[in-house]
Amino acid sequence: MIANNDQTKQLPNEIKSTFKELKVLKHLRKAGITKSFGFTCAYLFQLIFCLIFENKNWFRTLESKKSTDIPAKDAVYRFLNRSTYSWRRFLLLLSA
């Protein structure tokens, strides 16, 4: 899991190189998905993305020993459900 103290250096190398090659974080910014307060959007996106490959859900992650290092569920839900974020535009930019 990504610890809060150094967010960019804790991605697995395979995922880090893929994010860099596809310019995922740049496309997040271009789609208007930017930080409003708290954790950065890049950090939250990477955290959610890594959960897929660890076969964990958010509930189990919050119950784990590292739950003090990760944001609360409200931060993730706000990130995913914010109406001003253009997820469709992000996917279009990523697929182009």
Protein backbone atom coordinates (compact mmCIF):
# COMPACT_ATOMS: atom_id res chain seq x y z
CA MET A 1 0.00 0.00 0.00
CA ILE A 2 1.16 3.55 -0.55
CA ALA A 3 2.25 5.24 2.67
CA ASN A 4 1.36 8.88 3.14
CA ASN A 5 4.88 10.13 3.86
CA ASP A 6 6.32 9.71 0.35
CA GLN A 7 3.50 9.22 -2.06
CA THR A 8 5.32 9.10 -5.40
CA LYS A 9 8.10 6.65 -4.55
CA GLN A 10 5.96 3.79 -3.28
CA LEU A 11 4.19 2.67 -6.43
CA PRO A 12 5.34 -0.67 -7.81
CA ASN A 13 7.84 -0.13 -10.63
CA GLU A 14 5.58 -1.71 -13.26
CA ILE A 15 2.71 0.59 -12.38
CA LYS A 16 4.97 3.63 -12.05
CA SER A 17 6.39 3.13 -15.55
CA THR A 18 2.90 2.58 -16.97
CA PHE A 19 1.58 5.74 -15.31
CA LYS A 20 4.54 7.67 -16.70
CA GLU A 21 4.23 6.24 -20.22
CA LEU A 22 0.48 6.86 -20.42
CA LYS A 23 0.79 10.27 -18.69
CA VAL A 24 -2.08 9.35 -16.38
CA LEU A 25 -1.49 12.16 -13.88
CA LYS A 26 -1.23 14.75 -16.66
CA HIS A 27 -4.56 13.56 -18.08
CA LEU A 28 -6.14 13.81 -14.63
CA ARG A 29 -5.16 17.48 -14.47
CA LYS A 30 -6.29 18.17 -18.05
CA ALA A 31 -9.69 16.64 -17.27
CA GLY A 32 -10.14 19.06 -14.38
CA ILE A 33 -9.53 16.46 -11.68
CA THR A 34 -7.45 18.55 -9.30
CA LYS A 35 -6.97 18.87 -5.57
CA SER A 36 -9.53 20.89 -3.68
CA PHE A 37 -8.33 20.03 -0.17
CA GLY A 38 -6.68 17.19 1.71
CA PHE A 39 -4.94 14.42 -0.19
CA THR A 40 -3.92 15.03 -3.80
CA CYS A 41 -6.00 13.56 -6.58
CA ALA A 42 -2.92 11.79 -7.93
CA TYR A 43 -2.37 10.05 -4.60
CA LEU A 44 -6.01 8.98 -4.28
CA PHE A 45 -6.10 7.72 -7.87
CA GLN A 46 -2.90 5.70 -7.38
CA LEU A 47 -4.19 4.28 -4.12
CA ILE A 48 -7.46 3.11 -5.66
CA PHE A 49 -5.64 1.77 -8.72
CA CYS A 50 -3.27 -0.30 -6.55
CA LEU A 51 -6.20 -1.86 -4.66
CA ILE A 52 -7.22 -3.65 -7.85
CA PHE A 53 -3.92 -5.53 -8.07
CA GLU A 54 -3.81 -6.34 -4.36
CA ASN A 55 -7.26 -7.97 -4.50
CA LYS A 56 -8.48 -5.82 -1.63
CA ASN A 57 -11.53 -3.67 -1.21
CA TRP A 58 -11.63 -0.38 0.63
CA PHE A 59 -13.29 -1.86 3.72
CA ARG A 60 -10.52 -4.46 4.18
CA THR A 61 -7.85 -1.83 3.61
CA LEU A 62 -9.29 0.37 6.34
CA GLU A 63 -9.26 -2.61 8.73
CA SER A 64 -5.61 -3.42 8.01
CA LYS A 65 -2.59 -2.34 10.07
CA LYS A 66 -1.76 0.41 7.59
CA SER A 67 -5.11 2.15 7.99
CA THR A 68 -3.45 5.06 9.80
CA ASP A 69 -1.40 5.83 6.66
CA ILE A 70 -4.32 6.08 4.25
CA PRO A 71 -7.19 8.57 3.92
CA ALA A 72 -10.59 7.87 5.42
CA LYS A 73 -13.35 6.48 3.25
CA ASP A 74 -15.00 9.90 2.97
CA ALA A 75 -11.99 11.30 1.07
CA VAL A 76 -12.12 8.45 -1.44
CA TYR A 77 -15.89 8.67 -1.89
CA ARG A 78 -15.68 12.44 -2.40
CA PHE A 79 -12.93 11.91 -4.96
CA LEU A 80 -14.90 9.31 -6.93
CA ASN A 81 -18.32 10.99 -6.75
CA ARG A 82 -17.49 14.67 -7.15
CA SER A 83 -19.76 16.05 -9.85
CA THR A 84 -17.24 18.60 -11.16
CA TYR A 85 -14.69 15.93 -12.10
CA SER A 86 -14.95 14.95 -15.75
CA TRP A 87 -14.20 11.24 -15.69
CA ARG A 88 -15.44 10.82 -19.25
CA ARG A 89 -12.97 13.45 -20.46
CA PHE A 90 -10.20 11.74 -18.50
CA LEU A 91 -10.94 8.41 -20.20
CA LEU A 92 -11.04 10.08 -23.61
CA LEU A 93 -7.67 11.76 -23.02
CA LEU A 94 -6.18 8.52 -21.74
CA SER A 95 -7.40 6.50 -24.71
CA ALA A 96 -6.21 9.01 -27.34
